[in-house]
Amino acid sequence: MTTTSSDKKGNARPTKESTGAVLGADASRGNIAGNPELAANDDGSLFSDALKQLDQALQHVSLEQDTLELLRAPKFVFSFSVPVRRDDGSLAVFKGYRVQYNDFCGPCKGGIRFHPSVNLDEVQSLAFWMTVKTAVVQLPFGGGKGGVICDPHNLSAREQEQICRGWIRQLARNVGPVSDVPAPDVMTNPQHMLWMLDEYEHIAGGHYPGMITGKPVGMGGSLGRTEATGYGVVYCLREALAEKGLAAADTTASVQGFGNVAQYAIEAYQQ
């Protein structure tokens, strides 16, 4: 695992602790050696739970020990600052993350979330699960995840745009169509992706629509992308019910929330 920070020009770079090699993971604690932010986690960390799930899955499949060890630690972890000039003239510095967990099957793939509770433990765990999800359905992608600690509800559109562009400036050399393809996630949307794409293309000096997904349909986005996650929940539910000999029409469901996933899950469930 390589951990990075920011240099004086704002570019992500390896920290002094980095060796360029994959460091060992302490599966019992869910910690990554050499990473003090993760090392603070105890047995209750989300990543510890993720590794326990990996161990449970291994009871049903045969996997070489070398492959297992590589799956216990991310390939790259980026942690950096995103300075933004607020509308009132003050300077705010937001914490940004990107974890490129594994790229065995192809470029890393995973969303970027804007939320006050974003932390490295969460981002790393989600990147691990993205690695598993893409592999299970045999998509030619690896797993990644990113985020910024912020609350879009308290930020103007201009301030959110600056966060998006700043996030890309920190990672422009480390993301792209053949290495890592970001996407929307919690409290990010097609507009955020468009700002990020524009900043990336400005830096790269070309047109690279494949560097990010979740763009507006008129700008290279995909029809059905907005509904896909919620619909997917119901498709999986229907298959699970079928295994039990039940039909969705004969059941009732309780859904928590009414966000981008929940509202379309409700729509599909009622069809």
C-alpha atoms as a PDB file:
ATOM      1  CA  MET A   1       0.000   0.000   0.000  1.00  0.00           C
ATOM      2  CA  THR A   2       1.209   3.491  -0.741  1.00  0.00           C
ATOM      3  CA  THR A   3      -0.122   6.401   1.285  1.00  0.00           C
ATOM      4  CA  THR A   4       0.090   9.886  -0.168  1.00  0.00           C
ATOM      5  CA  SER A   5      -0.130  13.461   1.019  1.00  0.00           C
ATOM      6  CA  SER A   6       0.074  16.793  -0.813  1.00  0.00           C
ATOM      7  CA  ASP A   7       3.190  18.687  -1.873  1.00  0.00           C
ATOM      8  CA  LYS A   8       3.501  22.488  -1.910  1.00  0.00           C
ATOM      9  CA  LYS A   9       1.916  22.661  -5.357  1.00  0.00           C
ATOM     10  CA  GLY A  10      -1.094  20.682  -4.186  1.00  0.00           C
ATOM     11  CA  ASN A  11      -0.190  17.460  -6.009  1.00  0.00           C
ATOM     12  CA  ALA A  12      -0.702  14.107  -4.335  1.00  0.00           C
ATOM     13  CA  ARG A  13       2.631  12.420  -3.612  1.00  0.00           C
ATOM     14  CA  PRO A  14       3.825   9.417  -1.558  1.00  0.00           C
ATOM     15  CA  THR A  15       4.567  10.111   2.090  1.00  0.00           C
ATOM     16  CA  LYS A  16       7.886   9.261   3.733  1.00  0.00           C
ATOM     17  CA  GLU A  17       6.337   6.125   5.184  1.00  0.00           C
ATOM     18  CA  SER A  18       5.606   4.762   1.705  1.00  0.00           C
ATOM     19  CA  THR A  19       7.721   1.972   0.318  1.00  0.00           C
ATOM     20  CA  GLY A  20       5.834   1.319  -2.911  1.00  0.00           C
ATOM     21  CA  ALA A  21       5.180  -2.230  -1.732  1.00  0.00           C
ATOM     22  CA  VAL A  22       2.002  -3.794  -0.438  1.00  0.00           C
ATOM     23  CA  LEU A  23       2.210  -3.789   3.333  1.00  0.00           C
ATOM     24  CA  GLY A  24       0.672  -6.475   5.470  1.00  0.00           C
ATOM     25  CA  ALA A  25      -2.800  -6.149   6.926  1.00  0.00           C
ATOM     26  CA  ASP A  26      -3.559  -7.163  10.482  1.00  0.00           C
ATOM     27  CA  ALA A  27      -6.753  -9.101   9.810  1.00  0.00           C
ATOM     28  CA  SER A  28      -7.653  -9.344  13.485  1.00  0.00           C
ATOM     29  CA  ARG A  29      -7.675  -5.564  13.883  1.00  0.00           C
ATOM     30  CA  GLY A  30      -8.530  -4.463  10.348  1.00  0.00           C
ATOM     31  CA  ASN A  31      -5.499  -2.152  10.294  1.00  0.00           C
ATOM     32  CA  ILE A  32      -2.975  -1.449   7.568  1.00  0.00           C
ATOM     33  CA  ALA A  33       0.626  -1.315   8.750  1.00  0.00           C
ATOM     34  CA  GLY A  34       2.259   2.071   8.332  1.00  0.00           C
ATOM     35  CA  ASN A  35      -0.995   4.032   8.125  1.00  0.00           C
ATOM     36  CA  PRO A  36      -1.590   5.880  11.417  1.00  0.00           C
ATOM     37  CA  GLU A  37      -5.096   7.020  10.458  1.00  0.00           C
ATOM     38  CA  LEU A  38      -6.236   3.441   9.958  1.00  0.00           C
ATOM     39  CA  ALA A  39      -4.100   2.141  12.803  1.00  0.00           C
ATOM     40  CA  ALA A  40      -6.339   4.059  15.211  1.00  0.00           C
ATOM     41  CA  ASN A  41      -9.240   1.749  14.380  1.00  0.00           C
ATOM     42  CA  ASP A  42     -10.065  -1.081  16.758  1.00  0.00           C
ATOM     43  CA  ASP A  43     -11.865  -4.368  16.227  1.00  0.00           C
ATOM     44  CA  GLY A  44     -15.093  -2.502  15.512  1.00  0.00           C
ATOM     45  CA  SER A  45     -13.813  -0.788  12.362  1.00  0.00           C
ATOM     46  CA  LEU A  46     -15.731  -1.159   9.131  1.00  0.00           C
ATOM     47  CA  PHE A  47     -12.660  -2.510   7.364  1.00  0.00           C
ATOM     48  CA  SER A  48     -12.269  -5.173  10.041  1.00  0.00           C
ATOM     49  CA  ASP A  49     -15.835  -6.266   9.251  1.00  0.00           C
ATOM     50  CA  ALA A  50     -15.004  -6.328   5.539  1.00  0.00           C
ATOM     51  CA  LEU A  51     -12.042  -8.628   6.125  1.00  0.00           C
ATOM     52  CA  LYS A  52     -14.209 -10.908   8.253  1.00  0.00           C
ATOM     53  CA  GLN A  53     -16.597 -11.168   5.301  1.00  0.00           C
ATOM     54  CA  LEU A  54     -13.644 -12.095   3.109  1.00  0.00           C
ATOM     55  CA  ASP A  55     -12.672 -14.856   5.530  1.00  0.00           C
ATOM     56  CA  GLN A  56     -16.246 -16.168   5.541  1.00  0.00           C
ATOM     57  CA  ALA A  57     -16.358 -16.211   1.742  1.00  0.00           C
ATOM     58  CA  LEU A  58     -13.109 -18.168   1.618  1.00  0.00           C
ATOM     59  CA  GLN A  59     -14.872 -21.061   3.317  1.00  0.00           C
ATOM     60  CA  HIS A  60     -16.757 -21.594   0.050  1.00  0.00           C
ATOM     61  CA  VAL A  61     -14.013 -21.020  -2.542  1.00  0.00           C
ATOM     62  CA  SER A  62     -10.436 -22.060  -3.152  1.00  0.00           C
ATOM     63  CA  LEU A  63      -7.993 -19.157  -3.281  1.00  0.00           C
ATOM     64  CA  GLU A  64      -4.210 -19.095  -3.337  1.00  0.00           C
ATOM     65  CA  GLN A  65      -2.620 -17.605  -0.232  1.00  0.00           C
ATOM     66  CA  ASP A  66      -0.725 -14.988  -2.261  1.00  0.00           C
ATOM     67  CA  THR A  67      -3.984 -13.729  -3.777  1.00  0.00           C
ATOM     68  CA  LEU A  68      -5.609 -13.647  -0.360  1.00  0.00           C
ATOM     69  CA  GLU A  69      -2.818 -11.521   1.089  1.00  0.00           C
ATOM     70  CA  LEU A  70      -3.119  -9.027  -1.770  1.00  0.00           C
ATOM     71  CA  LEU A  71      -6.863  -8.759  -1.153  1.00  0.00           C
ATOM     72  CA  ARG A  72      -6.278  -7.854   2.488  1.00  0.00           C
ATOM     73  CA  ALA A  73      -4.681  -4.493   1.699  1.00  0.00           C
ATOM     74  CA  PRO A  74      -5.370  -1.678  -0.790  1.00  0.00           C
ATOM     75  CA  LYS A  75      -2.948  -0.962  -3.600  1.00  0.00           C
ATOM     76  CA  PHE A  76      -2.997   2.827  -3.145  1.00  0.00           C
ATOM     77  CA  VAL A  77      -4.447   5.181  -0.545  1.00  0.00           C
ATOM     78  CA  PHE A  78      -4.547   8.914  -1.270  1.00  0.00           C
ATOM     79  CA  SER A  79      -5.247  11.423   1.499  1.00  0.00           C
ATOM     80  CA  PHE A  80      -4.998  15.117   0.727  1.00  0.00           C
ATOM     81  CA  SER A  81      -6.266  18.637   1.348  1.00  0.00           C
ATOM     82  CA  VAL A  82      -8.642  20.533  -0.942  1.00  0.00           C
ATOM     83  CA  PRO A  83      -8.411  24.292  -0.249  1.00  0.00           C
ATOM     84  CA  VAL A  84     -11.442  26.329  -1.325  1.00  0.00           C
ATOM     85  CA  ARG A  85     -12.054  30.072  -1.239  1.00  0.00           C
ATOM     86  CA  ARG A  86     -15.515  30.461   0.278  1.00  0.00           C
ATOM     87  CA  ASP A  87     -18.067  32.936  -1.032  1.00  0.00           C
ATOM     88  CA  ASP A  88     -17.420  35.169   1.985  1.00  0.00           C
ATOM     89  CA  GLY A  89     -13.715  35.382   1.116  1.00  0.00           C
ATOM     90  CA  SER A  90     -12.490  33.000   3.818  1.00  0.00           C
ATOM     91  CA  LEU A  91     -10.374  29.947   3.052  1.00  0.00           C
ATOM     92  CA  ALA A  92     -11.684  26.497   3.957  1.00  0.00           C
ATOM     93  CA  VAL A  93      -9.577  23.349   3.690  1.00  0.00           C
ATOM     94  CA  PHE A  94     -11.484  20.117   3.105  1.00  0.00           C
ATOM     95  CA  LYS A  95     -10.081  16.608   3.548  1.00  0.00           C
ATOM     96  CA  GLY A  96     -10.231  14.399   0.457  1.00  0.00           C
ATOM     97  CA  TYR A  97      -9.642  10.686  -0.079  1.00  0.00           C
ATOM     98  CA  ARG A  98      -9.263   8.161  -2.861  1.00  0.00           C
ATOM     99  CA  VAL A  99      -8.571   4.478  -2.330  1.00  0.00           C
ATOM    100  CA  GLN A 100      -7.572   2.352  -5.309  1.00  0.00           C
ATOM    101  CA  TYR A 101      -8.001  -1.026  -3.714  1.00  0.00           C
ATOM    102  CA  ASN A 102      -7.314  -3.472  -6.507  1.00  0.00           C
ATOM    103  CA  ASP A 103      -6.945  -3.380 -10.291  1.00  0.00           C
ATOM    104  CA  PHE A 104      -6.420  -7.061 -11.119  1.00  0.00           C
ATOM    105  CA  CYS A 105      -9.461  -7.129 -13.423  1.00  0.00           C
ATOM    106  CA  GLY A 106      -9.152  -3.632 -14.890  1.00  0.00           C
ATOM    107  CA  PRO A 107      -9.221   0.064 -13.947  1.00  0.00           C
ATOM    108  CA  CYS A 108     -10.431   0.823 -10.438  1.00  0.00           C
ATOM    109  CA  LYS A 109     -14.103   1.803 -10.360  1.00  0.00           C
ATOM    110  CA  GLY A 110     -16.053   3.494  -7.617  1.00  0.00           C
ATOM    111  CA  GLY A 111     -17.944   6.569  -6.525  1.00  0.00           C
ATOM    112  CA  ILE A 112     -17.046   9.821  -4.813  1.00  0.00           C
ATOM    113  CA  ARG A 113     -19.144  10.850  -1.831  1.00  0.00           C
ATOM    114  CA  PHE A 114     -19.517  14.279  -0.225  1.00  0.00           C
ATOM    115  CA  HIS A 115     -20.584  13.877   3.397  1.00  0.00           C
ATOM    116  CA  PRO A 116     -19.575  15.187   6.841  1.00  0.00           C
ATOM    117  CA  SER A 117     -18.987  11.641   8.128  1.00  0.00           C
ATOM    118  CA  VAL A 118     -16.629  10.508   5.352  1.00  0.00           C
ATOM    119  CA  ASN A 119     -13.490   8.877   6.761  1.00  0.00           C
ATOM    120  CA  LEU A 120     -10.672   6.683   5.521  1.00  0.00           C
ATOM    121  CA  ASP A 121     -11.977   3.527   7.189  1.00  0.00           C
ATOM    122  CA  GLU A 122     -15.290   3.901   5.344  1.00  0.00           C
ATOM    123  CA  VAL A 123     -13.721   4.770   1.993  1.00  0.00           C
ATOM    124  CA  GLN A 124     -11.264   1.881   2.161  1.00  0.00           C
ATOM    125  CA  SER A 125     -13.996  -0.602   3.074  1.00  0.00           C
ATOM    126  CA  LEU A 126     -16.221   0.555   0.222  1.00  0.00           C
ATOM    127  CA  ALA A 127     -13.283   0.269  -2.191  1.00  0.00           C
ATOM    128  CA  PHE A 128     -12.779  -3.318  -1.033  1.00  0.00           C
ATOM    129  CA  TRP A 129     -16.450  -4.120  -1.607  1.00  0.00           C
ATOM    130  CA  MET A 130     -16.308  -2.522  -5.064  1.00  0.00           C
ATOM    131  CA  THR A 131     -13.412  -4.857  -5.872  1.00  0.00           C
ATOM    132  CA  VAL A 132     -15.546  -7.832  -4.887  1.00  0.00           C
ATOM    133  CA  LYS A 133     -18.692  -6.620  -6.657  1.00  0.00           C
ATOM    134  CA  THR A 134     -17.049  -6.031 -10.024  1.00  0.00           C
ATOM    135  CA  ALA A 135     -15.296  -9.408  -9.832  1.00  0.00           C
ATOM    136  CA  VAL A 136     -18.440 -11.330  -8.863  1.00  0.00           C
ATOM    137  CA  VAL A 137     -20.375 -10.056 -11.891  1.00  0.00           C
ATOM    138  CA  GLN A 138     -17.258 -10.370 -14.090  1.00  0.00           C
ATOM    139  CA  LEU A 139     -16.977  -6.718 -15.070  1.00  0.00           C
ATOM    140  CA  PRO A 140     -13.529  -5.660 -16.362  1.00  0.00           C
ATOM    141  CA  PHE A 141     -12.947  -3.281 -13.453  1.00  0.00           C
ATOM    142  CA  GLY A 142     -11.221  -3.225 -10.111  1.00  0.00           C
ATOM    143  CA  GLY A 143     -12.412  -1.470  -6.981  1.00  0.00           C
ATOM    144  CA  GLY A 144     -12.012   2.108  -5.815  1.00  0.00           C
ATOM    145  CA  LYS A 145     -13.786   4.719  -3.720  1.00  0.00           C
ATOM    146  CA  GLY A 146     -13.349   8.369  -2.888  1.00  0.00           C
ATOM    147  CA  GLY A 147     -14.809  11.166  -0.866  1.00  0.00           C
ATOM    148  CA  VAL A 148     -14.548  14.594   0.678  1.00  0.00           C
ATOM    149  CA  ILE A 149     -15.474  15.532   4.236  1.00  0.00           C
ATOM    150  CA  CYS A 150     -18.039  18.258   3.595  1.00  0.00           C
ATOM    151  CA  ASP A 151     -21.758  19.000   3.697  1.00  0.00           C
ATOM    152  CA  PRO A 152     -23.074  20.133   0.292  1.00  0.00           C
ATOM    153  CA  HIS A 153     -26.188  21.494   2.010  1.00  0.00           C
ATOM    154  CA  ASN A 154     -24.004  24.217   3.529  1.00  0.00           C
ATOM    155  CA  LEU A 155     -22.046  24.986   0.356  1.00  0.00           C
ATOM    156  CA  SER A 156     -22.982  27.122  -2.628  1.00  0.00           C
ATOM    157  CA  ALA A 157     -22.849  25.695  -6.146  1.00  0.00           C
ATOM    158  CA  ARG A 158     -19.625  27.625  -6.769  1.00  0.00           C
ATOM    159  CA  GLU A 159     -18.023  26.222  -3.619  1.00  0.00           C
ATOM    160  CA  GLN A 160     -19.036  22.678  -4.562  1.00  0.00           C
ATOM    161  CA  GLU A 161     -17.559  23.204  -8.012  1.00  0.00           C
ATOM    162  CA  GLN A 162     -14.268  24.296  -6.458  1.00  0.00           C
ATOM    163  CA  ILE A 163     -14.194  21.159  -4.302  1.00  0.00           C
ATOM    164  CA  CYS A 164     -14.783  18.998  -7.384  1.00  0.00           C
ATOM    165  CA  ARG A 165     -12.051  20.705  -9.366  1.00  0.00           C
ATOM    166  CA  GLY A 166      -9.661  20.665  -6.411  1.00  0.00           C
ATOM    167  CA  TRP A 167     -10.240  16.939  -5.881  1.00  0.00           C
ATOM    168  CA  ILE A 168      -9.324  16.268  -9.511  1.00  0.00           C
ATOM    169  CA  ARG A 169      -6.259  18.525  -9.398  1.00  0.00           C
ATOM    170  CA  GLN A 170      -4.903  16.460  -6.538  1.00  0.00           C
ATOM    171  CA  LEU A 171      -5.428  13.181  -8.392  1.00  0.00           C
ATOM    172  CA  ALA A 172      -5.151  14.052 -12.089  1.00  0.00           C
ATOM    173  CA  ARG A 173      -2.019  11.929 -12.495  1.00  0.00           C
ATOM    174  CA  ASN A 174      -3.621   8.968 -10.737  1.00  0.00           C
ATOM    175  CA  VAL A 175      -7.103   8.701 -12.281  1.00  0.00           C
ATOM    176  CA  GLY A 176      -8.305   8.266 -15.846  1.00  0.00           C
ATOM    177  CA  PRO A 177      -9.917   5.857 -18.329  1.00  0.00           C
ATOM    178  CA  VAL A 178      -7.209   3.196 -18.004  1.00  0.00           C
ATOM    179  CA  SER A 179      -6.380   3.533 -14.302  1.00  0.00           C
ATOM    180  CA  ASP A 180      -9.293   4.679 -12.131  1.00  0.00           C
ATOM    181  CA  VAL A 181     -12.804   5.732 -13.200  1.00  0.00           C
ATOM    182  CA  PRO A 182     -14.781   7.701 -10.562  1.00  0.00           C
ATOM    183  CA  ALA A 183     -18.575   8.027 -10.383  1.00  0.00           C
ATOM    184  CA  PRO A 184     -21.299   9.713  -8.289  1.00  0.00           C
ATOM    185  CA  ASP A 185     -22.120   8.484  -4.806  1.00  0.00           C
ATOM    186  CA  VAL A 186     -23.711   9.946  -1.671  1.00  0.00           C
ATOM    187  CA  MET A 187     -24.585  13.634  -2.241  1.00  0.00           C
ATOM    188  CA  THR A 188     -22.786  13.857  -5.576  1.00  0.00           C
ATOM    189  CA  ASN A 189     -24.587  14.016  -8.919  1.00  0.00           C
ATOM    190  CA  PRO A 190     -24.086  14.391 -12.699  1.00  0.00           C
ATOM    191  CA  GLN A 191     -23.217  18.075 -12.332  1.00  0.00           C
ATOM    192  CA  HIS A 192     -20.365  17.234  -9.966  1.00  0.00           C
ATOM    193  CA  MET A 193     -19.090  14.651 -12.446  1.00  0.00           C
ATOM    194  CA  LEU A 194     -19.215  17.194 -15.263  1.00  0.00           C
ATOM    195  CA  TRP A 195     -17.106  19.664 -13.278  1.00  0.00           C
ATOM    196  CA  MET A 196     -14.594  16.920 -12.548  1.00  0.00           C
ATOM    197  CA  LEU A 197     -14.448  15.825 -16.177  1.00  0.00           C
ATOM    198  CA  ASP A 198     -13.944  19.407 -17.326  1.00  0.00           C
ATOM    199  CA  GLU A 199     -11.070  19.910 -14.884  1.00  0.00           C
ATOM    200  CA  TYR A 200      -9.436  16.624 -15.886  1.00  0.00           C
ATOM    201  CA  GLU A 201      -9.657  17.428 -19.592  1.00  0.00           C
ATOM    202  CA  HIS A 202      -8.247  20.902 -18.966  1.00  0.00           C
ATOM    203  CA  ILE A 203      -5.234  19.358 -17.223  1.00  0.00           C
ATOM    204  CA  ALA A 204      -4.808  16.458 -19.667  1.00  0.00           C
ATOM    205  CA  GLY A 205      -5.277  18.647 -22.733  1.00  0.00           C
ATOM    206  CA  GLY A 206      -7.745  16.396 -24.532  1.00  0.00           C
ATOM    207  CA  HIS A 207     -11.239  14.908 -24.597  1.00  0.00           C
ATOM    208  CA  TYR A 208     -11.561  11.930 -22.247  1.00  0.00           C
ATOM    209  CA  PRO A 209     -15.260  11.248 -21.553  1.00  0.00           C
ATOM    210  CA  GLY A 210     -14.381   7.744 -20.345  1.00  0.00           C
ATOM    211  CA  MET A 211     -12.519   9.041 -17.301  1.00  0.00           C
ATOM    212  CA  ILE A 212     -15.721   9.345 -15.264  1.00  0.00           C
ATOM    213  CA  THR A 213     -19.245   7.907 -15.296  1.00  0.00           C
ATOM    214  CA  GLY A 214     -22.537   9.326 -14.081  1.00  0.00           C
ATOM    215  CA  LYS A 215     -22.325  12.342 -16.389  1.00  0.00           C
ATOM    216  CA  PRO A 216     -25.480  14.063 -17.706  1.00  0.00           C
ATOM    217  CA  VAL A 217     -27.057  12.020 -20.509  1.00  0.00           C
ATOM    218  CA  GLY A 218     -26.490  14.816 -23.018  1.00  0.00           C
ATOM    219  CA  MET A 219     -22.781  14.866 -22.158  1.00  0.00           C
ATOM    220  CA  GLY A 220     -22.054  11.174 -22.562  1.00  0.00           C
ATOM    221  CA  GLY A 221     -23.987   9.779 -19.621  1.00  0.00           C
ATOM    222  CA  SER A 222     -26.087   6.603 -19.713  1.00  0.00           C
ATOM    223  CA  LEU A 223     -29.861   6.323 -19.755  1.00  0.00           C
ATOM    224  CA  GLY A 224     -31.107   4.461 -16.692  1.00  0.00           C
ATOM    225  CA  ARG A 225     -28.012   5.211 -14.646  1.00  0.00           C
ATOM    226  CA  THR A 226     -29.971   7.190 -12.044  1.00  0.00           C
ATOM    227  CA  GLU A 227     -32.434   4.365 -11.431  1.00  0.00           C
ATOM    228  CA  ALA A 228     -29.928   1.522 -11.714  1.00  0.00           C
ATOM    229  CA  THR A 229     -28.932   1.089  -8.059  1.00  0.00           C
ATOM    230  CA  GLY A 230     -32.478   1.127  -6.693  1.00  0.00           C
ATOM    231  CA  TYR A 231     -33.701  -1.198  -9.419  1.00  0.00           C
ATOM    232  CA  GLY A 232     -30.767  -3.505  -8.718  1.00  0.00           C
ATOM    233  CA  VAL A 233     -31.821  -3.812  -5.085  1.00  0.00           C
ATOM    234  CA  VAL A 234     -35.240  -5.078  -6.156  1.00  0.00           C
ATOM    235  CA  TYR A 235     -33.867  -7.411  -8.835  1.00  0.00           C
ATOM    236  CA  CYS A 236     -31.670  -9.049  -6.189  1.00  0.00           C
ATOM    237  CA  LEU A 237     -34.609  -9.176  -3.779  1.00  0.00           C
ATOM    238  CA  ARG A 238     -36.781 -10.926  -6.362  1.00  0.00           C
ATOM    239  CA  GLU A 239     -34.102 -13.556  -6.949  1.00  0.00           C
ATOM    240  CA  ALA A 240     -33.728 -14.113  -3.199  1.00  0.00           C
ATOM    241  CA  LEU A 241     -37.493 -14.473  -2.796  1.00  0.00           C
ATOM    242  CA  ALA A 242     -37.598 -16.933  -5.685  1.00  0.00           C
ATOM    243  CA  GLU A 243     -35.027 -19.078  -3.877  1.00  0.00           C
ATOM    244  CA  LYS A 244     -37.492 -19.211  -0.981  1.00  0.00           C
ATOM    245  CA  GLY A 245     -40.427 -19.970  -3.256  1.00  0.00           C
ATOM    246  CA  LEU A 246     -41.994 -16.546  -2.707  1.00  0.00           C
ATOM    247  CA  ALA A 247     -43.278 -13.931  -5.153  1.00  0.00           C
ATOM    248  CA  ALA A 248     -42.643 -10.228  -4.614  1.00  0.00           C
ATOM    249  CA  ALA A 249     -46.339  -9.535  -5.290  1.00  0.00           C
ATOM    250  CA  ASP A 250     -47.220 -11.546  -2.172  1.00  0.00           C
ATOM    251  CA  THR A 251     -44.952  -9.525   0.125  1.00  0.00           C
ATOM    252  CA  THR A 252     -44.820  -6.087   1.704  1.00  0.00           C
ATOM    253  CA  ALA A 253     -41.681  -4.037   2.262  1.00  0.00           C
ATOM    254  CA  SER A 254     -40.484  -1.250   4.528  1.00  0.00           C
ATOM    255  CA  VAL A 255     -37.929   1.141   3.031  1.00  0.00           C
ATOM    256  CA  GLN A 256     -35.737   3.469   5.066  1.00  0.00           C
ATOM    257  CA  GLY A 257     -35.155   6.879   3.492  1.00  0.00           C
ATOM    258  CA  PHE A 258     -36.183   8.303   0.141  1.00  0.00           C
ATOM    259  CA  GLY A 259     -32.887   9.063  -1.535  1.00  0.00           C
ATOM    260  CA  ASN A 260     -31.594   8.128  -4.958  1.00  0.00           C
ATOM    261  CA  VAL A 261     -31.581   4.412  -4.126  1.00  0.00           C
ATOM    262  CA  ALA A 262     -34.741   4.137  -2.032  1.00  0.00           C
ATOM    263  CA  GLN A 263     -37.119   6.031  -4.308  1.00  0.00           C
ATOM    264  CA  TYR A 264     -36.300   3.896  -7.338  1.00  0.00           C
ATOM    265  CA  ALA A 265     -36.307   0.702  -5.290  1.00  0.00           C
ATOM    266  CA  ILE A 266     -39.863   1.569  -4.239  1.00  0.00           C
ATOM    267  CA  GLU A 267     -40.787   2.270  -7.857  1.00  0.00           C
ATOM    268  CA  ALA A 268     -39.432  -1.080  -9.051  1.00  0.00           C
ATOM    269  CA  TYR A 269     -40.934  -2.985  -6.121  1.00  0.00           C
ATOM    270  CA  GLN A 270     -44.411  -1.715  -6.967  1.00  0.00           C
ATOM    271  CA  GLN A 271     -44.190  -2.701 -10.632  1.00  0.00           C
END
